[in-house]
Protein backbone atom coordinates (compact mmCIF):
# COMPACT_ATOMS: atom_id res chain seq x y z
CA MET A 1 -21.13 -4.93 -5.10
CA HIS A 2 -21.71 -8.60 -3.72
CA THR A 3 -25.33 -7.73 -3.06
CA GLU A 4 -25.31 -7.81 -7.02
CA THR A 5 -25.82 -11.25 -7.74
CA GLU A 6 -26.45 -11.82 -11.04
CA ARG A 7 -23.48 -9.79 -11.58
CA CYS A 8 -21.05 -11.62 -9.27
CA VAL A 9 -22.26 -14.97 -10.72
CA ARG A 10 -20.90 -14.47 -14.20
CA ALA A 11 -17.85 -12.81 -12.64
CA VAL A 12 -17.69 -16.01 -11.13
CA ARG A 13 -17.82 -17.77 -14.55
CA SER A 14 -15.58 -15.78 -16.71
CA LYS A 15 -13.24 -16.48 -13.92
CA ASP A 16 -12.31 -12.51 -14.04
CA ALA A 17 -9.27 -11.69 -12.33
CA ARG A 18 -10.77 -7.57 -12.53
CA PHE A 19 -13.14 -8.62 -9.44
CA ASP A 20 -10.69 -10.30 -7.09
CA GLY A 21 -11.45 -8.41 -3.96
CA TRP A 22 -14.17 -6.74 -4.79
CA PHE A 23 -16.08 -9.72 -3.48
CA PHE A 24 -15.91 -13.25 -2.10
CA THR A 25 -18.02 -16.60 -3.24
CA ALA A 26 -18.69 -19.13 -0.84
CA VAL A 27 -20.05 -22.64 -1.25
CA LEU A 28 -22.61 -23.85 0.71
CA THR A 29 -21.46 -27.42 -0.92
CA THR A 30 -17.85 -27.06 0.44
CA ARG A 31 -17.64 -24.49 2.66
CA ILE A 32 -15.19 -23.47 0.88
CA TYR A 33 -14.26 -19.29 -0.25
CA CYS A 34 -13.08 -18.06 -3.16
CA ARG A 35 -11.54 -15.60 -5.75
CA PRO A 36 -14.33 -15.03 -8.41
CA SER A 37 -10.93 -16.78 -10.56
CA CYS A 38 -10.39 -19.00 -8.75
CA PRO A 39 -9.60 -21.72 -11.41
CA VAL A 40 -12.38 -25.16 -10.48
CA VAL A 41 -15.23 -25.71 -12.30
CA PRO A 42 -17.64 -22.98 -10.90
CA PRO A 43 -20.49 -24.23 -8.08
CA LYS A 44 -24.33 -24.67 -9.13
CA ALA A 45 -25.06 -20.43 -8.97
CA GLU A 46 -27.81 -22.12 -5.79
CA ASN A 47 -25.01 -23.09 -4.36
CA MET A 48 -23.26 -19.88 -4.06
CA ARG A 49 -23.11 -17.15 -1.92
CA PHE A 50 -21.22 -13.99 -2.07
CA TYR A 51 -19.55 -11.87 1.08
CA PRO A 52 -17.59 -8.19 0.70
CA SER A 53 -14.46 -9.37 2.30
CA ALA A 54 -12.16 -12.37 3.38
CA ALA A 55 -13.17 -12.19 6.90
CA ALA A 56 -17.27 -11.69 6.30
CA ALA A 57 -16.82 -15.55 4.57
CA GLN A 58 -14.45 -17.09 8.01
CA GLN A 59 -16.80 -16.15 10.36
CA ALA A 60 -20.20 -17.05 8.29
CA GLY A 61 -17.75 -20.84 8.41
CA PHE A 62 -15.90 -20.91 5.39
CA ARG A 63 -11.93 -21.69 5.22
CA ALA A 64 -10.64 -20.41 2.39
CA CYS A 65 -9.75 -22.28 -1.15
CA LYS A 66 -6.13 -23.99 -1.15
CA ARG A 67 -6.38 -23.51 -5.08
CA CYS A 68 -6.83 -20.11 -5.49
CA ARG A 69 -5.74 -18.48 -1.78
CA PRO A 70 -9.06 -16.06 -1.54
CA ASP A 71 -7.36 -14.48 1.52
CA ALA A 72 -4.60 -13.22 -0.52
CA SER A 73 -6.38 -10.90 -2.94
CA PRO A 74 -5.84 -7.69 -3.97
CA GLY A 75 -7.48 -5.58 -1.69
CA SER A 76 -10.63 -3.69 -2.70
CA PRO A 77 -10.41 -0.67 -3.90
CA GLN A 78 -13.07 1.15 -2.48
CA TRP A 79 -10.71 1.92 0.58
CA ASN A 80 -8.33 3.80 -2.00
CA GLU A 81 -11.42 6.20 -3.57
CA ARG A 82 -13.53 6.54 -0.32
CA ALA A 83 -12.66 9.10 2.33
CA ASP A 84 -16.04 8.09 5.08
CA LEU A 85 -15.63 6.35 8.27
CA VAL A 86 -15.35 2.78 7.01
CA ALA A 87 -13.45 2.88 4.18
CA ARG A 88 -10.97 4.91 6.85
CA ALA A 89 -10.94 1.78 9.01
CA MET A 90 -9.68 -0.18 6.63
CA ARG A 91 -7.04 1.80 5.85
CA LEU A 92 -6.38 1.75 9.33
CA ILE A 93 -6.64 -1.25 10.38
CA ALA A 94 -4.05 -2.71 6.94
CA ASP A 95 -1.89 -0.40 8.72
CA GLY A 96 -2.21 -2.45 11.74
CA CYS A 97 -3.75 0.32 13.98
CA VAL A 98 -5.86 -2.71 15.46
CA ASP A 99 -3.03 -4.82 16.37
CA ARG A 100 -1.22 -2.05 17.98
CA GLU A 101 -3.92 0.07 19.46
CA GLY A 102 -6.86 -2.26 19.48
CA VAL A 103 -10.55 -1.45 18.67
CA SER A 104 -10.67 1.50 21.09
CA GLY A 105 -7.86 3.05 19.64
CA LEU A 106 -9.06 2.22 16.07
CA ALA A 107 -11.85 4.49 17.50
CA VAL A 108 -9.86 7.00 18.55
CA ARG A 109 -8.20 7.87 15.44
CA LEU A 110 -11.26 7.97 13.47
CA GLY A 111 -13.10 10.43 15.99
CA TYR A 112 -15.83 7.86 16.45
CA SER A 113 -17.17 5.68 19.86
CA THR A 114 -16.10 1.85 19.55
CA ARG A 115 -20.27 1.51 19.09
CA GLN A 116 -20.49 3.23 16.00
CA VAL A 117 -16.94 2.09 14.25
CA GLU A 118 -17.96 -1.47 14.71
CA ARG A 119 -21.62 -0.60 13.51
CA GLN A 120 -20.46 0.55 10.19
CA LEU A 121 -17.93 -2.19 9.61
CA LEU A 122 -20.59 -4.63 10.02
CA ALA A 123 -23.06 -3.26 7.98
CA GLU A 124 -21.48 -2.68 5.41
CA LEU A 125 -18.21 -5.65 5.36
CA GLY A 126 -20.07 -8.22 6.92
CA ALA A 127 -17.49 -8.13 10.25
CA GLY A 128 -16.32 -5.75 13.39
CA PRO A 129 -12.83 -4.52 13.11
CA LEU A 130 -11.41 -7.84 15.01
CA ALA A 131 -12.79 -10.18 12.97
CA LEU A 132 -10.91 -7.86 10.02
CA ALA A 133 -7.31 -7.37 12.02
CA ARG A 134 -7.46 -11.51 12.52
CA ALA A 135 -8.70 -12.31 8.82
CA GLN A 136 -5.26 -9.98 7.93
CA ARG A 137 -3.04 -12.07 10.94
CA ALA A 138 -3.90 -14.58 9.43
CA GLN A 139 -2.64 -13.98 5.96
CA THR A 140 0.49 -13.05 7.28
CA ALA A 141 0.73 -16.29 9.97
CA ARG A 142 0.36 -18.04 6.16
CA LEU A 143 3.29 -15.93 4.45
CA LEU A 144 5.84 -16.59 7.70
CA ILE A 145 4.97 -20.33 7.79
CA GLU A 146 5.33 -20.52 4.21
CA THR A 147 8.04 -18.76 3.48
CA SER A 148 10.29 -18.56 6.89
CA ALA A 149 12.01 -21.68 9.38
CA LEU A 150 11.11 -20.08 12.25
CA PRO A 151 9.58 -21.87 15.51
CA MET A 152 5.61 -21.77 15.07
CA ALA A 153 5.88 -19.42 18.66
CA ASP A 154 7.85 -16.77 17.42
CA VAL A 155 5.74 -16.81 13.73
CA ALA A 156 2.53 -16.56 16.21
CA PHE A 157 4.01 -13.22 18.10
CA ALA A 158 5.36 -11.47 14.63
CA ALA A 159 1.89 -12.53 12.95
CA GLY A 160 0.35 -10.19 15.99
CA PHE A 161 -1.59 -13.18 17.71
CA ALA A 162 -1.46 -12.30 21.49
CA SER A 163 -1.20 -16.60 22.22
CA ILE A 164 -0.02 -19.89 20.77
CA ARG A 165 -3.74 -21.23 21.31
CA ALA A 166 -5.01 -18.02 19.56
CA PHE A 167 -2.51 -18.45 16.56
CA ASN A 168 -3.15 -22.30 16.39
CA ASP A 169 -7.13 -22.15 16.31
CA THR A 170 -6.42 -19.19 13.51
CA VAL A 171 -4.57 -21.22 10.96
CA ARG A 172 -7.07 -24.44 11.60
CA GLU A 173 -10.09 -22.49 10.91
CA VAL A 174 -9.04 -20.51 8.61
CA PHE A 175 -7.00 -23.08 6.07
CA ALA A 176 -8.37 -26.41 7.20
CA LEU A 177 -4.54 -27.17 8.20
CA SER A 178 -2.54 -27.44 11.12
CA PRO A 179 0.18 -24.46 10.69
CA SER A 180 2.64 -27.59 10.32
CA GLU A 181 0.51 -28.62 7.59
CA LEU A 182 0.33 -25.24 6.40
CA ARG A 183 4.55 -25.51 6.21
CA ASN A 184 4.68 -29.15 4.88
CA ARG A 185 2.29 -28.45 1.83
CA ALA A 186 4.01 -25.49 0.88
CA ALA A 187 6.96 -27.69 0.76
CA GLY A 188 5.41 -28.84 -2.48
CA PRO A 189 5.90 -27.91 -6.45
CA GLY A 190 3.67 -24.93 -7.47
CA ARG A 191 1.28 -23.25 -5.66
CA ALA A 192 -0.90 -20.24 -6.05
CA SER A 193 0.48 -16.47 -5.55
CA GLY A 194 -0.60 -13.59 -3.73
CA ASN A 195 -0.91 -11.08 -1.91
CA GLY A 196 2.37 -11.06 0.20
CA GLN A 197 3.04 -14.35 -0.96
CA ALA A 198 6.72 -15.70 -0.70
CA SER A 199 9.07 -17.32 -2.89
CA ARG A 200 11.27 -20.20 -1.94
CA THR A 201 14.30 -19.82 -3.11
CA GLY A 202 13.91 -15.67 -4.36
CA ARG A 203 12.31 -16.61 -7.40
CA ALA A 204 8.43 -16.82 -8.45
CA PRO A 205 6.08 -18.56 -6.24
CA GLY A 206 5.26 -22.01 -8.32
CA THR A 207 9.23 -22.49 -9.53
CA GLY A 208 9.49 -24.89 -7.08
CA ARG A 209 13.10 -24.67 -4.73
CA THR A 210 16.47 -26.17 -5.23
CA SER A 211 17.20 -29.42 -3.41
CA GLY A 212 19.09 -29.67 -0.27
CA ASP A 213 18.11 -26.15 1.10
CA THR A 214 18.60 -26.10 4.35
CA ALA A 215 18.19 -22.35 5.23
CA ALA A 216 14.86 -20.94 5.99
CA PRO A 217 13.62 -20.82 2.53
CA GLY A 218 12.91 -17.58 0.63
CA THR A 219 14.53 -16.05 4.21
CA THR A 220 17.88 -14.93 5.38
CA GLY A 221 18.76 -14.26 8.80
CA THR A 222 18.88 -15.70 11.67
CA PRO A 223 16.38 -14.74 15.57
CA VAL A 224 17.67 -12.37 17.86
CA PRO A 225 16.27 -11.38 20.89
CA GLY A 226 13.85 -8.71 20.64
CA GLN A 227 14.30 -5.40 22.57
CA GLY A 228 10.87 -4.57 24.23
CA ALA A 229 9.03 -7.60 22.47
CA ALA A 230 6.69 -8.92 24.74
CA PRO A 231 8.06 -12.71 26.06
CA GLY A 232 8.53 -14.98 23.71
CA GLN A 233 8.25 -12.13 21.24
CA ALA A 234 11.36 -12.56 18.90
CA ALA A 235 12.54 -9.49 16.49
CA VAL A 236 14.16 -11.11 13.57
CA THR A 237 16.95 -9.93 10.98
CA GLY A 238 15.40 -11.30 7.84
CA THR A 239 14.73 -10.96 4.13
CA LEU A 240 11.55 -11.87 2.03
CA SER A 241 10.98 -12.19 -1.41
CA LEU A 242 7.58 -11.52 -2.10
CA ARG A 243 4.78 -11.23 -4.76
CA LEU A 244 2.18 -8.51 -4.78
CA PRO A 245 -0.41 -8.90 -7.18
CA TYR A 246 -1.83 -6.04 -9.17
CA ARG A 247 -5.40 -5.86 -11.34
CA ALA A 248 -4.62 -5.31 -14.63
CA PRO A 249 -3.48 -3.60 -16.27
CA LEU A 250 -0.59 -1.35 -14.41
CA CYS A 251 1.85 0.77 -16.49
CA PRO A 252 5.68 1.24 -14.78
CA ASP A 253 6.89 3.54 -16.90
CA ASN A 254 5.11 6.62 -14.61
CA LEU A 255 4.79 5.16 -11.60
CA PHE A 256 8.77 4.19 -11.53
CA GLY A 257 9.88 7.23 -13.28
CA HIS A 258 8.56 9.39 -10.64
CA LEU A 259 9.76 7.18 -8.07
CA ALA A 260 13.37 7.27 -9.27
CA ALA A 261 13.49 10.40 -10.58
CA THR A 262 12.68 12.38 -7.63
CA ALA A 263 14.42 10.32 -5.34
CA VAL A 264 16.01 11.48 -2.47
CA PRO A 265 19.80 9.81 -2.03
CA GLY A 266 20.69 7.80 0.91
CA VAL A 267 17.01 7.59 1.42
CA GLU A 268 16.01 6.20 -2.20
CA GLU A 269 17.93 5.04 -5.10
CA TRP A 270 17.19 3.36 -7.97
CA ARG A 271 19.39 -0.05 -8.45
CA ASP A 272 19.78 -3.11 -10.94
CA GLY A 273 16.16 -2.29 -12.09
CA ALA A 274 14.66 -1.76 -8.86
CA TYR A 275 13.52 0.60 -6.67
CA ARG A 276 14.80 0.94 -3.73
CA ARG A 277 13.87 2.59 0.53
CA THR A 278 14.38 2.93 3.15
CA LEU A 279 10.63 2.53 6.28
CA ARG A 280 10.07 3.83 8.92
CA LEU A 281 7.99 1.27 10.81
CA PRO A 282 6.30 0.60 14.02
CA TYR A 283 8.64 -1.55 15.78
CA GLY A 284 12.03 -0.92 14.07
CA HIS A 285 12.84 -0.54 10.25
CA GLY A 286 13.21 -1.72 7.00
CA VAL A 287 14.53 -1.60 3.17
CA VAL A 288 12.25 -2.33 0.39
CA ALA A 289 12.91 -3.46 -3.24
CA LEU A 290 10.36 -3.44 -5.16
CA ARG A 291 10.56 -4.56 -9.37
CA PRO A 292 7.62 -4.65 -12.07
CA GLU A 293 7.32 -8.24 -13.14
CA SER A 294 4.71 -9.48 -15.98
CA GLY A 295 1.79 -9.83 -14.15
CA HIS A 296 3.05 -8.77 -10.52
CA ILE A 297 5.76 -6.51 -8.07
CA ALA A 298 8.40 -8.09 -6.96
CA CYS A 299 9.15 -7.46 -3.78
CA THR A 300 11.98 -7.89 -1.12
CA LEU A 301 11.85 -6.75 1.94
CA ALA A 302 14.51 -6.18 4.40
CA LEU A 303 13.20 -5.69 7.82
CA THR A 304 14.52 -5.32 11.72
CA ASP A 305 11.65 -7.02 13.31
CA LEU A 306 9.03 -9.91 11.40
CA ARG A 307 6.00 -7.90 13.24
CA ASP A 308 6.15 -5.22 10.78
CA LEU A 309 6.00 -7.64 7.56
CA THR A 310 2.19 -6.74 6.83
CA ILE A 311 2.36 -3.09 7.70
CA ALA A 312 5.36 -3.06 5.70
CA ILE A 313 3.01 -5.03 2.93
CA SER A 314 0.52 -2.27 3.67
CA ARG A 315 2.48 0.44 3.06
CA CYS A 316 4.19 -0.87 -0.16
CA ARG A 317 0.72 -2.08 -1.74
CA ARG A 318 -0.17 2.02 -1.20
CA LEU A 319 3.00 3.55 -2.51
CA LEU A 320 2.70 1.77 -5.87
CA ASP A 321 -1.12 2.09 -5.66
CA LEU A 322 -1.40 -1.50 -6.56
CA ASP A 323 -5.04 -1.86 -5.19
CA ALA A 324 -6.83 0.36 -8.07
CA ASP A 325 -9.52 -0.53 -10.23
CA PRO A 326 -7.90 0.64 -13.38
CA VAL A 327 -10.80 -1.13 -15.67
CA ALA A 328 -13.37 1.67 -13.68
CA VAL A 329 -10.85 4.70 -13.86
CA ASP A 330 -9.90 4.65 -17.74
CA GLY A 331 -12.80 3.68 -18.72
CA LEU A 332 -14.43 7.10 -17.67
CA LEU A 333 -11.56 8.80 -18.71
CA ARG A 334 -11.64 7.46 -21.93
CA THR A 335 -15.30 9.01 -22.51
CA ASP A 336 -13.02 12.74 -22.95
CA PRO A 337 -12.28 12.68 -26.90
CA VAL A 338 -8.80 14.54 -25.11
CA LEU A 339 -7.51 11.66 -22.98
CA ALA A 340 -8.56 8.62 -24.86
CA PRO A 341 -5.66 8.34 -27.06
CA LEU A 342 -3.29 8.66 -23.99
CA VAL A 343 -5.27 5.57 -22.41
CA ALA A 344 -5.31 3.96 -25.73
CA ARG A 345 -1.22 4.14 -25.33
CA ASN A 346 -0.40 3.37 -21.54
CA PRO A 347 -3.20 2.36 -20.14
CA GLY A 348 -2.92 1.44 -16.59
CA ARG A 349 -1.63 4.57 -15.35
CA ARG A 350 -1.56 4.27 -11.52
CA VAL A 351 -0.38 7.65 -9.22
CA PRO A 352 2.35 7.14 -7.14
CA ARG A 353 2.17 7.68 -3.86
CA THR A 354 4.02 7.38 -0.69
CA VAL A 355 5.03 5.02 2.41
CA ASP A 356 5.10 7.77 4.70
CA ALA A 357 3.15 11.00 4.41
CA ALA A 358 4.47 13.23 6.81
CA GLU A 359 8.05 12.60 4.51
CA PHE A 360 5.53 13.62 1.44
CA ALA A 361 4.23 16.82 3.05
CA VAL A 362 8.38 17.80 3.63
CA ARG A 363 9.27 16.89 0.73
CA ALA A 364 6.48 18.72 -0.39
CA VAL A 365 7.42 22.34 0.99
CA LEU A 366 11.23 21.35 -0.04
CA GLY A 367 9.65 21.13 -3.98
CA GLN A 368 7.73 24.58 -3.99
CA GLN A 369 8.98 26.88 -7.06
CA VAL A 370 12.59 24.75 -7.72
CA SER A 371 13.54 22.01 -9.77
CA THR A 372 13.02 18.34 -9.44
CA ALA A 373 16.74 18.01 -8.88
CA ALA A 374 16.76 21.09 -6.00
CA ALA A 375 14.06 19.58 -3.84
CA ARG A 376 16.23 16.39 -4.39
CA THR A 377 19.17 18.11 -2.69
CA HIS A 378 17.42 20.00 -0.34
CA ALA A 379 15.89 16.65 1.00
CA ALA A 380 19.59 15.07 0.73
CA ARG A 381 21.02 18.02 3.01
CA LEU A 382 18.08 17.65 5.96
CA VAL A 383 19.03 13.75 5.78
CA ARG A 384 21.93 13.77 6.06
CA ASP A 385 21.97 16.37 8.95
CA CYS A 386 18.68 14.74 10.57
CA GLY A 387 18.06 11.42 10.06
CA ASP A 388 18.21 8.22 11.29
CA PRO A 389 21.71 5.88 9.70
CA VAL A 390 20.77 2.48 8.44
CA ASP A 391 22.87 -0.49 6.96
CA ASP A 392 22.36 -1.10 4.12
CA PRO A 393 24.54 -4.37 2.52
CA ALA A 394 22.74 -4.57 -0.55
CA GLY A 395 23.12 -0.90 -2.31
CA GLY A 396 23.71 2.64 -1.27
CA LEU A 397 20.96 3.07 1.25
CA THR A 398 21.92 5.70 4.55
CA HIS A 399 19.46 7.14 6.45
CA LEU A 400 15.54 6.78 7.55
CA PHE A 401 13.89 10.42 6.36
CA PRO A 402 13.55 12.67 9.24
CA GLU A 403 10.82 12.58 11.62
CA PRO A 404 8.37 15.65 12.23
CA ASP A 405 9.49 15.98 16.08
CA THR A 406 13.46 16.36 15.03
CA LEU A 407 12.86 18.99 11.83
CA ALA A 408 10.72 20.64 14.19
CA ALA A 409 13.33 20.79 16.54
CA LEU A 410 15.91 21.32 14.24
CA ASP A 411 17.31 25.63 14.23
CA PRO A 412 15.99 27.04 11.18
CA GLU A 413 18.92 28.89 10.18
CA ARG A 414 20.39 25.30 9.49
CA LEU A 415 18.22 25.11 7.08
CA ALA A 416 19.42 26.25 3.70
CA LEU A 417 15.95 27.29 2.22
CA PRO A 418 14.81 30.79 1.60
CA ARG A 419 13.56 32.26 4.90
CA THR A 420 9.58 32.07 4.27
CA ARG A 421 10.19 28.61 3.42
CA ARG A 422 11.85 28.02 7.04
CA THR A 423 9.30 28.98 8.27
CA THR A 424 6.59 27.19 6.22
CA LEU A 425 8.83 23.81 7.14
CA THR A 426 9.71 24.35 10.56
CA THR A 427 6.02 25.35 11.22
CA LEU A 428 4.38 22.58 8.86
CA ALA A 429 6.89 19.91 11.56
CA THR A 430 5.92 21.12 14.12
CA GLU A 431 2.16 20.54 13.00
CA LEU A 432 2.70 16.86 12.21
CA ALA A 433 4.67 16.49 15.16
CA ALA A 434 2.23 17.69 17.65
CA GLY A 435 -1.01 15.48 15.86
CA ARG A 436 -2.81 18.42 14.49
CA ILE A 437 -2.73 18.04 11.33
CA ALA A 438 -3.10 14.35 10.03
CA LEU A 439 -1.43 12.73 6.85
CA GLY A 440 -1.39 8.80 8.16
CA ALA A 441 -3.74 5.94 6.46
CA GLY A 442 -6.88 6.93 8.53
CA SER A 443 -7.66 10.69 7.77
CA ASP A 444 -9.77 12.38 7.41
CA TRP A 445 -9.33 14.49 3.52
CA GLY A 446 -11.25 17.67 3.86
CA ALA A 447 -9.50 18.21 7.27
CA ALA A 448 -6.49 17.79 6.34
CA ARG A 449 -6.99 20.06 3.66
CA GLU A 450 -8.38 22.53 5.87
CA ARG A 451 -5.09 22.17 8.34
CA LEU A 452 -2.58 21.98 5.05
CA ALA A 453 -4.10 25.41 3.37
CA ALA A 454 -3.88 27.70 7.66
CA LEU A 455 -0.11 27.21 7.51
CA PRO A 456 1.92 29.80 6.41
CA GLY A 457 3.76 28.83 2.80
CA ILE A 458 1.50 26.44 1.92
CA GLY A 459 -0.49 27.40 -1.04
CA PRO A 460 -3.19 25.13 -3.06
CA TRP A 461 -0.47 23.50 -5.04
CA THR A 462 1.28 21.86 -2.01
CA VAL A 463 -2.39 21.30 -0.31
CA GLU A 464 -3.44 19.42 -3.75
CA THR A 465 0.20 17.51 -4.29
CA VAL A 466 0.00 16.28 -0.79
CA ALA A 467 -3.91 14.95 -1.32
CA MET A 468 -2.81 13.37 -4.76
CA ARG A 469 0.75 10.95 -3.40
CA ALA A 470 0.29 11.46 0.42
CA LEU A 471 -3.75 11.11 1.23
CA GLY A 472 -4.09 9.05 -1.67
CA ASP A 473 -7.36 11.13 -3.02
CA PRO A 474 -7.92 10.01 -6.22
CA ASP A 475 -9.80 13.45 -7.07
CA ALA A 476 -6.69 15.50 -5.61
CA PHE A 477 -6.17 17.44 -8.69
CA LEU A 478 -3.26 20.40 -9.52
CA PRO A 479 -4.36 23.41 -11.92
CA THR A 480 -1.76 25.54 -10.88
CA ASP A 481 0.95 22.98 -12.09
CA LEU A 482 2.90 24.47 -14.60
CA GLY A 483 4.30 21.20 -16.04
CA LEU A 484 0.41 20.00 -15.95
CA ARG A 485 -0.72 23.33 -17.80
CA ARG A 486 1.54 23.02 -20.10
CA ALA A 487 0.96 19.21 -21.18
CA ALA A 488 -3.08 20.85 -20.76
CA ARG A 489 -2.36 23.80 -23.53
CA ALA A 490 -0.14 21.37 -25.75
CA SER A 491 -3.14 19.14 -26.00
CA GLY A 492 -5.96 21.16 -26.94
CA LEU A 493 -7.05 21.52 -23.52
CA PRO A 494 -7.38 24.92 -21.45
CA GLY A 495 -4.51 26.49 -19.89
CA THR A 496 -6.04 28.79 -17.12
CA PRO A 497 -6.04 26.92 -14.02
CA ALA A 498 -10.11 28.52 -13.98
CA ALA A 499 -10.97 27.12 -17.33
CA LEU A 500 -8.62 23.58 -16.68
CA THR A 501 -10.87 23.53 -13.20
CA ALA A 502 -14.13 23.41 -15.02
CA ARG A 503 -12.73 20.97 -17.87
CA ALA A 504 -11.98 18.51 -15.76
CA GLU A 505 -15.01 18.52 -14.18
CA ALA A 506 -15.78 15.38 -16.33
CA TRP A 507 -12.94 13.12 -14.90
CA ARG A 508 -14.75 12.87 -11.72
CA PRO A 509 -13.50 11.06 -9.86
CA TRP A 510 -10.51 10.31 -10.98
CA ARG A 511 -8.68 13.64 -11.83
CA ALA A 512 -5.34 12.57 -10.25
CA TYR A 513 -5.20 9.33 -12.87
CA ALA A 514 -5.83 12.43 -15.89
CA VAL A 515 -2.51 14.42 -14.29
CA GLN A 516 -0.75 11.44 -14.99
CA TYR A 517 -1.72 10.85 -18.30
CA LEU A 518 -1.45 14.24 -19.11
CA TRP A 519 2.10 15.08 -17.06
CA ALA A 520 3.40 11.73 -19.29
CA THR A 521 2.78 13.56 -22.69
CA ASP A 522 6.04 15.21 -21.93
CA ASP A 523 9.78 14.09 -21.77
CA HIS A 524 10.65 14.32 -18.24
CA PRO A 525 12.62 11.42 -16.42
CA ILE A 526 9.31 11.31 -14.30
CA ASN A 527 7.55 10.01 -17.19
CA HIS A 528 10.41 7.56 -18.44
CA LEU A 529 11.15 3.78 -16.60
CA PRO A 530 14.66 3.43 -15.82
CA ALA A 531 17.19 2.18 -17.34
CA GLY A 532 19.59 -0.14 -15.61
């Protein structure tokens, strides 16, 4: 979109927040880049330049606006909609792949040469993988600087920087402030919210903080020596209160209703108006609580190692489909006379996804041809027998969901499932553990579908369920799902899989969202925001 100058200028002049993350506006006279919705007086059109990413604007020599915090805007919905090389690369970068494995590791995961990956990212985004990862590290550093009392050295390594010098140089270049100045400035009253912006006292940013605070603002816990951490690196047990922005509108009913109704005891729960779950992360584990609020999702993250912060935020955003473009989705679905009243009634429905694709694939197999309650029972039994225990002083979470290699080594006779489903489960776990089936952030959707379909006991329903919830394909479709067929017939749509599939061609590329609207016509707990 950044190449459509007139359209971008109109969005900036109207301060249209729907375009935040789609492009970034750089101002030649001030050398600052902003979101389209920045509250300042718009510059003259001839002084505007448009970039597809914050990293591209930074590489061109512009620094982030201190008013609108463009580096913290919602992510571009393109990476959720597409399955090409650039989209897969962006999902992997958001998941921390470059920081953990380097550009060569990113290329290996994508199945392309390093040169090809860099060339395509530069051509479309104006920045290579290192610059994109650097922009992400800068945002994580800002979050930790503003919301904790950690020493700057610990902030630098937790954010993923290889040296203190690189940390200092990046913060100064991106924010035009030193790390200390950034921390002091954040202590002042009122500031704009952003992607993963933390509250200084657990309240909404911009409400100030109580006088006399001596603990790390917005953070509990103290640094402890990090096991296996790099020299100077600390594993930190702490809790951060964040605000996760999204493009309005957002209907929380089926989003949180689905997660709460299908929650696996010990791994997930609904407590005090929030969905809570455990997270398995590269450097440790965490517990997250997500609560729908007006204009944002309140997120409380407790992590055993703050190096996992960026990845945890990325996975929570993916779980709740927060980078979706509801205007585009609903705009197309409204053209269908059957879906139009459903969209008008509750616009902005999202597709509930997952924080762990392998976990979801296993749960999809457990849910084959059984009720939601039975699927939860089977999953809870697996968790009790094979999951890694965790402590959760704030609630009733007890375990991390078992990893594929643990399930692959499990004696099938211990599974209280029909024999054929035992075989399906253990075969799937073996393939996932061996890496022959890849369902992660950068996976190839087509290849994943083919390999899943080749396994015994996995049919179209399971394949498309995994594609919708684990892979994140916005066009995944479940014509054999009994609930969808029932809703279709009640709405006057064809009830047979073949006829319904033909009718759904008009809903492409948003069939997964059409499924959510149709499912919501049924009075099932997955469609209602839980009470309390």
